[in-house]
């Protein structure tokens, strides 16, 4: 259990770094996304009992969102491992959708906002407070 929280805290730090670089430069390093994916692997193993067909469909939906230019490649590379590693997936999706909606609503250019902000906030809320 302690390992789960240490890995999650490290992922949160990397997500926060991704948020800062995404806001500043509109790019996220592949090293950050690869590190998040690798740190998510033990969490995926820990969460393997909760992975079902719906999880795969949600991952496929995120991939479809990339192909219709709704999310960027870095967002997709982070969302897929998070989708499989999080225990309360639907809570994450609800928080991610709500925070993304509010974030778009408050933004001056809703089609040009970095999605790392709602991803990070939803991950923190679900991993540590749900």
C-alpha atoms as a PDB file:
ATOM      1  CA  UNK A   1       0.000   0.000   0.000  1.00  0.00           C
ATOM      2  CA  UNK A   2       2.865   2.370   0.781  1.00  0.00           C
ATOM      3  CA  UNK A   3       4.418   1.592  -2.598  1.00  0.00           C
ATOM      4  CA  UNK A   4       1.150   2.531  -4.301  1.00  0.00           C
ATOM      5  CA  UNK A   5       1.149   5.962  -2.659  1.00  0.00           C
ATOM      6  CA  UNK A   6       4.853   6.532  -3.351  1.00  0.00           C
ATOM      7  CA  UNK A   7       4.393   5.676  -7.017  1.00  0.00           C
ATOM      8  CA  UNK A   8       1.281   7.837  -7.205  1.00  0.00           C
ATOM      9  CA  UNK A   9       3.077  10.770  -5.580  1.00  0.00           C
ATOM     10  CA  UNK A  10       5.939  10.429  -8.056  1.00  0.00           C
ATOM     11  CA  UNK A  11       3.451  10.344 -10.932  1.00  0.00           C
ATOM     12  CA  UNK A  12       1.804  13.485  -9.546  1.00  0.00           C
ATOM     13  CA  UNK A  13       5.175  15.274  -9.481  1.00  0.00           C
ATOM     14  CA  UNK A  14       5.816  14.272 -13.086  1.00  0.00           C
ATOM     15  CA  UNK A  15       2.312  15.355 -14.067  1.00  0.00           C
ATOM     16  CA  UNK A  16       2.881  18.731 -12.413  1.00  0.00           C
ATOM     17  CA  UNK A  17       6.117  19.117 -14.352  1.00  0.00           C
ATOM     18  CA  UNK A  18       4.197  18.202 -17.505  1.00  0.00           C
ATOM     19  CA  UNK A  19       1.579  20.839 -16.682  1.00  0.00           C
ATOM     20  CA  UNK A  20       4.223  23.543 -16.334  1.00  0.00           C
ATOM     21  CA  UNK A  21       5.990  22.652 -19.569  1.00  0.00           C
ATOM     22  CA  UNK A  22       2.693  22.206 -21.420  1.00  0.00           C
ATOM     23  CA  UNK A  23       1.492  25.653 -20.356  1.00  0.00           C
ATOM     24  CA  UNK A  24       4.830  27.338 -21.098  1.00  0.00           C
ATOM     25  CA  UNK A  25       5.883  25.693 -24.346  1.00  0.00           C
ATOM     26  CA  UNK A  26       2.802  23.686 -25.457  1.00  0.00           C
ATOM     27  CA  UNK A  27       5.007  20.581 -25.591  1.00  0.00           C
ATOM     28  CA  UNK A  28       5.668  17.768 -23.154  1.00  0.00           C
ATOM     29  CA  UNK A  29       8.869  15.777 -23.280  1.00  0.00           C
ATOM     30  CA  UNK A  30       8.626  12.112 -24.222  1.00  0.00           C
ATOM     31  CA  UNK A  31      10.813  11.405 -21.189  1.00  0.00           C
ATOM     32  CA  UNK A  32       8.060  12.699 -18.914  1.00  0.00           C
ATOM     33  CA  UNK A  33       5.335  10.652 -20.594  1.00  0.00           C
ATOM     34  CA  UNK A  34       7.531   7.537 -20.713  1.00  0.00           C
ATOM     35  CA  UNK A  35       8.410   7.945 -17.022  1.00  0.00           C
ATOM     36  CA  UNK A  36       4.726   8.212 -16.131  1.00  0.00           C
ATOM     37  CA  UNK A  37       3.965   5.108 -18.202  1.00  0.00           C
ATOM     38  CA  UNK A  38       6.775   3.115 -16.572  1.00  0.00           C
ATOM     39  CA  UNK A  39       5.773   4.197 -13.068  1.00  0.00           C
ATOM     40  CA  UNK A  40       2.190   3.181 -13.850  1.00  0.00           C
ATOM     41  CA  UNK A  41       3.166  -0.425 -14.637  1.00  0.00           C
ATOM     42  CA  UNK A  42       3.295  -1.599 -10.982  1.00  0.00           C
ATOM     43  CA  UNK A  43       0.006   0.204 -10.364  1.00  0.00           C
ATOM     44  CA  UNK A  44      -1.513  -1.611 -13.342  1.00  0.00           C
ATOM     45  CA  UNK A  45      -0.413  -4.915 -11.807  1.00  0.00           C
ATOM     46  CA  UNK A  46      -1.843  -3.845  -8.428  1.00  0.00           C
ATOM     47  CA  UNK A  47      -5.109  -2.844 -10.115  1.00  0.00           C
ATOM     48  CA  UNK A  48      -5.356  -5.844 -12.483  1.00  0.00           C
ATOM     49  CA  UNK A  49      -8.487  -7.194 -10.774  1.00  0.00           C
ATOM     50  CA  UNK A  50     -10.383  -4.011 -11.706  1.00  0.00           C
ATOM     51  CA  UNK A  51      -9.433  -3.976 -15.391  1.00  0.00           C
ATOM     52  CA  UNK A  52     -12.307  -5.141 -17.576  1.00  0.00           C
ATOM     53  CA  UNK A  53     -13.660  -4.596 -21.084  1.00  0.00           C
ATOM     54  CA  UNK A  54     -14.929  -1.125 -20.203  1.00  0.00           C
ATOM     55  CA  UNK A  55     -11.391  -0.021 -19.409  1.00  0.00           C
ATOM     56  CA  UNK A  56     -10.251  -1.065 -22.879  1.00  0.00           C
ATOM     57  CA  UNK A  57     -13.191   0.767 -24.463  1.00  0.00           C
ATOM     58  CA  UNK A  58     -12.305   3.936 -22.568  1.00  0.00           C
ATOM     59  CA  UNK A  59      -8.713   3.624 -23.752  1.00  0.00           C
ATOM     60  CA  UNK A  60     -10.028   3.210 -27.295  1.00  0.00           C
ATOM     61  CA  UNK A  61     -12.228   6.302 -26.829  1.00  0.00           C
ATOM     62  CA  UNK A  62      -9.184   8.329 -25.742  1.00  0.00           C
ATOM     63  CA  UNK A  63      -7.362   7.130 -28.856  1.00  0.00           C
ATOM     64  CA  UNK A  64     -10.333   8.237 -30.960  1.00  0.00           C
ATOM     65  CA  UNK A  65     -10.226  11.639 -29.268  1.00  0.00           C
ATOM     66  CA  UNK A  66      -6.632  11.960 -30.443  1.00  0.00           C
ATOM     67  CA  UNK A  67      -7.544  11.187 -34.053  1.00  0.00           C
ATOM     68  CA  UNK A  68     -10.269  13.854 -34.109  1.00  0.00           C
ATOM     69  CA  UNK A  69      -7.796  16.406 -32.653  1.00  0.00           C
ATOM     70  CA  UNK A  70      -9.545  16.770 -29.303  1.00  0.00           C
ATOM     71  CA  UNK A  71      -6.482  15.836 -27.245  1.00  0.00           C
ATOM     72  CA  UNK A  72      -2.800  15.874 -28.094  1.00  0.00           C
ATOM     73  CA  UNK A  73      -0.339  13.022 -28.343  1.00  0.00           C
ATOM     74  CA  UNK A  74       1.254  13.727 -24.963  1.00  0.00           C
ATOM     75  CA  UNK A  75      -2.179  13.733 -23.331  1.00  0.00           C
ATOM     76  CA  UNK A  76      -2.956  10.381 -24.924  1.00  0.00           C
ATOM     77  CA  UNK A  77       0.405   8.927 -23.871  1.00  0.00           C
ATOM     78  CA  UNK A  78      -0.393   9.891 -20.271  1.00  0.00           C
ATOM     79  CA  UNK A  79      -4.100   9.045 -20.239  1.00  0.00           C
ATOM     80  CA  UNK A  80      -3.691   5.443 -21.396  1.00  0.00           C
ATOM     81  CA  UNK A  81      -1.413   4.237 -18.563  1.00  0.00           C
ATOM     82  CA  UNK A  82      -3.411   6.265 -16.042  1.00  0.00           C
ATOM     83  CA  UNK A  83      -6.624   4.667 -17.300  1.00  0.00           C
ATOM     84  CA  UNK A  84      -5.289   1.199 -16.564  1.00  0.00           C
ATOM     85  CA  UNK A  85      -3.576   2.076 -13.286  1.00  0.00           C
ATOM     86  CA  UNK A  86      -6.339   3.931 -11.470  1.00  0.00           C
ATOM     87  CA  UNK A  87      -8.714   2.019  -9.213  1.00  0.00           C
ATOM     88  CA  UNK A  88     -11.747   4.308  -9.438  1.00  0.00           C
ATOM     89  CA  UNK A  89     -11.779   4.838 -13.189  1.00  0.00           C
ATOM     90  CA  UNK A  90     -15.248   6.290 -13.539  1.00  0.00           C
ATOM     91  CA  UNK A  91     -14.626   8.761 -10.732  1.00  0.00           C
ATOM     92  CA  UNK A  92     -11.500   9.837 -12.612  1.00  0.00           C
ATOM     93  CA  UNK A  93     -13.501  10.253 -15.826  1.00  0.00           C
ATOM     94  CA  UNK A  94     -16.176  12.313 -14.092  1.00  0.00           C
ATOM     95  CA  UNK A  95     -13.601  14.598 -12.431  1.00  0.00           C
ATOM     96  CA  UNK A  96     -11.556  14.846 -15.636  1.00  0.00           C
ATOM     97  CA  UNK A  97     -14.643  15.749 -17.682  1.00  0.00           C
ATOM     98  CA  UNK A  98     -15.971  18.264 -15.164  1.00  0.00           C
ATOM     99  CA  UNK A  99     -12.619  19.978 -14.606  1.00  0.00           C
ATOM    100  CA  UNK A 100     -11.965  20.008 -18.358  1.00  0.00           C
ATOM    101  CA  UNK A 101     -15.399  21.540 -18.967  1.00  0.00           C
ATOM    102  CA  UNK A 102     -14.840  24.286 -16.391  1.00  0.00           C
ATOM    103  CA  UNK A 103     -11.314  24.843 -17.707  1.00  0.00           C
ATOM    104  CA  UNK A 104     -12.613  25.241 -21.279  1.00  0.00           C
ATOM    105  CA  UNK A 105     -15.427  27.472 -20.136  1.00  0.00           C
ATOM    106  CA  UNK A 106     -13.025  29.837 -18.345  1.00  0.00           C
ATOM    107  CA  UNK A 107     -10.460  29.796 -21.152  1.00  0.00           C
ATOM    108  CA  UNK A 108     -10.288  32.474 -23.806  1.00  0.00           C
ATOM    109  CA  UNK A 109      -9.347  29.916 -26.475  1.00  0.00           C
ATOM    110  CA  UNK A 110     -11.078  26.620 -25.572  1.00  0.00           C
ATOM    111  CA  UNK A 111      -9.528  24.699 -28.463  1.00  0.00           C
ATOM    112  CA  UNK A 112      -5.970  25.690 -27.485  1.00  0.00           C
ATOM    113  CA  UNK A 113      -5.819  24.684 -23.822  1.00  0.00           C
ATOM    114  CA  UNK A 114      -3.404  22.086 -22.467  1.00  0.00           C
ATOM    115  CA  UNK A 115      -5.265  19.008 -21.219  1.00  0.00           C
ATOM    116  CA  UNK A 116      -2.537  18.191 -18.703  1.00  0.00           C
ATOM    117  CA  UNK A 117      -4.183  20.517 -16.162  1.00  0.00           C
ATOM    118  CA  UNK A 118      -7.501  18.615 -15.845  1.00  0.00           C
ATOM    119  CA  UNK A 119      -5.681  15.273 -16.104  1.00  0.00           C
ATOM    120  CA  UNK A 120      -3.418  16.185 -13.187  1.00  0.00           C
ATOM    121  CA  UNK A 121      -6.165  17.607 -10.989  1.00  0.00           C
ATOM    122  CA  UNK A 122      -8.451  14.619 -11.600  1.00  0.00           C
ATOM    123  CA  UNK A 123      -5.606  12.165 -10.900  1.00  0.00           C
ATOM    124  CA  UNK A 124      -4.725  13.873  -7.603  1.00  0.00           C
ATOM    125  CA  UNK A 125      -8.347  13.983  -6.455  1.00  0.00           C
ATOM    126  CA  UNK A 126      -9.084  10.354  -7.313  1.00  0.00           C
ATOM    127  CA  UNK A 127      -5.806   8.816  -6.114  1.00  0.00           C
ATOM    128  CA  UNK A 128      -5.591  10.637  -2.790  1.00  0.00           C
ATOM    129  CA  UNK A 129      -9.117  11.757  -1.863  1.00  0.00           C
ATOM    130  CA  UNK A 130     -11.570   9.169  -3.230  1.00  0.00           C
END
